[in-house]
């Protein structure tokens, strides 16, 4: 399987996970009062922004290079999969748009679980492609959670603009959670949908 197929699989896994989580959310409502609900939503919007900016940062380094060389600088010096880390952060922000801390955590965990399948397949492919240098990189850098003590960078960076634009476009999808969950909330408050489960 090529890296482009891994990337398509990654997008499919994320889309399926989010779609599967949307149906039950129609019937879930947070227990928080209006002020706490709003605070959680705003914190979620900040997480989405952090996730998108982080994904752009990763793309600056990896865009167009992943199949040609081992990228081990910038965010990739701290985590082998920082793009997925930032996607999980943005997914937590999406979950927070429900006004529920539990849903924010659930979105992040579901995203991590979906990506963990893709990550292991990607690693097998990259190990076959690059051999011992890639295995040394794996031994040195954590698979998922970043270790800031490992950070190192290059003096120069070659950027592929169209990959940045595509990453930005993909990332803006996360903000679609805001109107989607506001609509669900409005339908619940107006009695069109009955909330069957109240969560924190």
Protein backbone atom coordinates (compact mmCIF):
# COMPACT_ATOMS: atom_id res chain seq x y z
CA UNK A 1 0.00 0.00 0.00
CA UNK A 2 1.38 3.44 -0.93
CA UNK A 3 1.54 6.40 1.45
CA UNK A 4 -1.19 8.19 -0.51
CA UNK A 5 -3.47 5.22 0.13
CA UNK A 6 -2.60 5.39 3.85
CA UNK A 7 -3.57 9.05 3.82
CA UNK A 8 -6.89 8.24 2.13
CA UNK A 9 -7.46 5.50 4.72
CA UNK A 10 -6.69 8.02 7.47
CA UNK A 11 -9.27 10.46 6.13
CA UNK A 12 -11.84 7.68 5.73
CA UNK A 13 -11.27 6.42 9.30
CA UNK A 14 -11.68 9.94 10.69
CA UNK A 15 -14.84 10.58 8.66
CA UNK A 16 -16.39 7.24 9.68
CA UNK A 17 -15.56 7.79 13.34
CA UNK A 18 -17.05 11.26 13.36
CA UNK A 19 -20.14 10.15 11.44
CA UNK A 20 -20.70 7.25 13.86
CA UNK A 21 -20.45 9.62 16.81
CA UNK A 22 -22.91 12.17 15.41
CA UNK A 23 -26.07 10.02 15.51
CA UNK A 24 -26.01 9.40 19.29
CA UNK A 25 -25.20 13.08 19.90
CA UNK A 26 -28.69 13.99 18.72
CA UNK A 27 -29.98 12.50 21.97
CA UNK A 28 -27.25 13.64 24.37
CA UNK A 29 -27.36 16.91 26.27
CA UNK A 30 -24.84 18.35 28.75
CA UNK A 31 -25.82 18.92 32.37
CA UNK A 32 -23.92 22.21 32.66
CA UNK A 33 -25.58 25.58 33.14
CA UNK A 34 -25.46 28.09 30.27
CA UNK A 35 -22.25 29.82 31.45
CA UNK A 36 -20.27 26.57 31.81
CA UNK A 37 -21.71 25.25 28.56
CA UNK A 38 -20.51 28.37 26.73
CA UNK A 39 -17.06 28.17 28.38
CA UNK A 40 -16.63 24.56 27.21
CA UNK A 41 -17.69 25.53 23.68
CA UNK A 42 -15.18 28.42 23.59
CA UNK A 43 -12.40 26.18 24.92
CA UNK A 44 -13.35 23.72 22.19
CA UNK A 45 -13.08 26.44 19.52
CA UNK A 46 -9.59 27.21 20.85
CA UNK A 47 -8.66 23.52 20.62
CA UNK A 48 -9.88 23.44 17.01
CA UNK A 49 -7.73 26.48 16.19
CA UNK A 50 -4.69 24.89 17.92
CA UNK A 51 -5.32 21.66 16.01
CA UNK A 52 -5.49 23.45 12.64
CA UNK A 53 -2.38 25.56 13.33
CA UNK A 54 -0.53 22.45 14.51
CA UNK A 55 -1.52 20.55 11.38
CA UNK A 56 -0.22 23.43 9.26
CA UNK A 57 3.05 23.41 11.24
CA UNK A 58 3.43 19.69 10.55
CA UNK A 59 2.68 20.15 6.85
CA UNK A 60 5.46 22.73 6.59
CA UNK A 61 7.88 19.92 7.41
CA UNK A 62 6.30 16.80 5.94
CA UNK A 63 4.46 18.09 2.87
CA UNK A 64 5.63 16.06 -0.11
CA UNK A 65 8.62 14.56 1.72
CA UNK A 66 7.19 11.61 3.66
CA UNK A 67 7.72 9.02 0.92
CA UNK A 68 11.18 10.36 -0.01
CA UNK A 69 12.98 10.83 3.31
CA UNK A 70 12.71 10.44 7.06
CA UNK A 71 11.53 13.76 8.45
CA UNK A 72 12.88 14.03 12.01
CA UNK A 73 12.97 17.77 12.67
CA UNK A 74 10.42 20.31 13.88
CA UNK A 75 7.29 18.62 15.22
CA UNK A 76 8.58 15.28 13.90
CA UNK A 77 11.53 15.45 16.27
CA UNK A 78 9.12 15.18 19.23
CA UNK A 79 6.53 12.75 17.86
CA UNK A 80 6.48 10.41 14.88
CA UNK A 81 2.84 11.36 14.21
CA UNK A 82 2.32 14.98 15.26
CA UNK A 83 -0.20 15.56 12.46
CA UNK A 84 -2.42 12.93 14.08
CA UNK A 85 -1.81 14.44 17.54
CA UNK A 86 -3.08 17.82 16.34
CA UNK A 87 -6.02 16.13 14.58
CA UNK A 88 -6.97 14.53 17.90
CA UNK A 89 -6.75 17.94 19.61
CA UNK A 90 -9.02 19.44 16.96
CA UNK A 91 -11.41 16.48 17.32
CA UNK A 92 -11.56 17.15 21.09
CA UNK A 93 -12.51 20.71 20.18
CA UNK A 94 -15.29 19.38 17.98
CA UNK A 95 -16.60 17.24 20.81
CA UNK A 96 -16.51 20.24 23.13
CA UNK A 97 -18.96 22.01 20.82
CA UNK A 98 -21.63 19.81 22.41
CA UNK A 99 -20.92 21.62 25.68
CA UNK A 100 -19.79 18.35 27.24
CA UNK A 101 -16.33 17.56 28.61
CA UNK A 102 -17.09 13.85 28.28
CA UNK A 103 -17.85 14.26 24.56
CA UNK A 104 -14.63 16.24 24.06
CA UNK A 105 -12.66 13.37 25.60
CA UNK A 106 -14.64 10.77 23.63
CA UNK A 107 -13.94 12.54 20.31
CA UNK A 108 -10.21 12.69 21.08
CA UNK A 109 -10.09 9.00 22.09
CA UNK A 110 -12.07 7.84 19.06
CA UNK A 111 -9.76 9.80 16.78
CA UNK A 112 -6.70 8.31 18.47
CA UNK A 113 -8.13 4.80 18.15
CA UNK A 114 -8.92 5.30 14.46
CA UNK A 115 -5.46 6.69 13.76
CA UNK A 116 -3.67 3.99 15.74
CA UNK A 117 -4.72 1.45 13.10
CA UNK A 118 -3.43 3.66 10.28
CA UNK A 119 -0.23 4.51 12.17
CA UNK A 120 0.79 0.86 12.59
CA UNK A 121 0.27 0.15 8.90
CA UNK A 122 2.16 3.29 7.94
CA UNK A 123 5.05 2.28 10.18
CA UNK A 124 5.32 -1.12 8.52
CA UNK A 125 5.42 0.56 5.13
CA UNK A 126 8.03 3.13 6.19
CA UNK A 127 10.19 0.46 7.87
CA UNK A 128 10.20 -1.52 4.63
CA UNK A 129 10.95 1.65 2.64
CA UNK A 130 13.75 3.14 4.80
CA UNK A 131 15.00 0.18 6.85
CA UNK A 132 17.43 0.67 9.75
CA UNK A 133 17.43 4.53 9.76
CA UNK A 134 13.65 4.51 10.21
CA UNK A 135 13.83 1.90 12.96
CA UNK A 136 16.44 4.07 14.72
CA UNK A 137 14.06 7.03 14.43
CA UNK A 138 11.26 4.89 15.93
CA UNK A 139 13.52 3.94 18.84
CA UNK A 140 14.38 7.58 19.49
CA UNK A 141 11.03 9.38 19.04
CA UNK A 142 7.66 8.49 20.63
CA UNK A 143 4.91 7.17 18.37
CA UNK A 144 2.20 9.61 19.48
CA UNK A 145 2.50 11.81 22.57
CA UNK A 146 5.20 14.44 21.91
CA UNK A 147 8.32 14.75 24.05
CA UNK A 148 9.33 18.46 23.88
CA UNK A 149 12.81 17.63 25.26
CA UNK A 150 13.62 16.01 21.91
CA UNK A 151 12.86 19.11 19.82
CA UNK A 152 15.40 20.05 17.18
CA UNK A 153 15.12 22.00 13.96
CA UNK A 154 16.85 22.86 10.69
CA UNK A 155 18.03 26.32 9.70
CA UNK A 156 16.12 26.19 6.41
CA UNK A 157 12.87 24.66 5.29
CA UNK A 158 11.49 23.95 1.82
CA UNK A 159 7.73 24.49 1.70
CA UNK A 160 5.19 23.10 -0.77
CA UNK A 161 2.41 25.74 -0.78
CA UNK A 162 -0.37 23.63 -2.35
CA UNK A 163 0.00 21.06 0.43
CA UNK A 164 -0.37 23.80 3.01
CA UNK A 165 -3.55 25.04 1.32
CA UNK A 166 -4.95 21.52 1.21
CA UNK A 167 -4.18 20.99 4.90
CA UNK A 168 -5.85 24.30 5.73
CA UNK A 169 -8.92 23.31 3.72
CA UNK A 170 -9.05 19.91 5.44
CA UNK A 171 -8.61 21.56 8.82
CA UNK A 172 -11.46 24.02 8.35
CA UNK A 173 -13.77 20.99 8.34
CA UNK A 174 -13.31 20.85 12.12
CA UNK A 175 -15.03 24.23 12.46
CA UNK A 176 -18.14 22.73 10.83
CA UNK A 177 -18.85 21.23 14.26
CA UNK A 178 -19.83 24.66 15.59
CA UNK A 179 -22.94 25.22 13.42
CA UNK A 180 -23.72 21.47 13.44
CA UNK A 181 -23.91 21.22 17.23
CA UNK A 182 -25.59 24.61 17.58
CA UNK A 183 -28.33 23.26 15.28
CA UNK A 184 -28.67 20.11 17.39
CA UNK A 185 -28.83 22.22 20.55
CA UNK A 186 -31.52 24.43 19.02
CA UNK A 187 -33.58 21.39 17.98
CA UNK A 188 -33.31 19.97 21.52
CA UNK A 189 -34.29 23.25 23.16
CA UNK A 190 -37.26 23.68 20.84
CA UNK A 191 -38.49 20.14 21.60
CA UNK A 192 -38.01 18.74 18.09
CA UNK A 193 -35.48 16.24 19.50
CA UNK A 194 -35.82 14.76 22.97
CA UNK A 195 -32.51 14.37 24.82
CA UNK A 196 -32.44 10.88 26.33
CA UNK A 197 -29.10 11.12 28.13
CA UNK A 198 -27.54 13.96 30.11
CA UNK A 199 -23.74 13.98 30.38
CA UNK A 200 -20.96 16.06 31.92
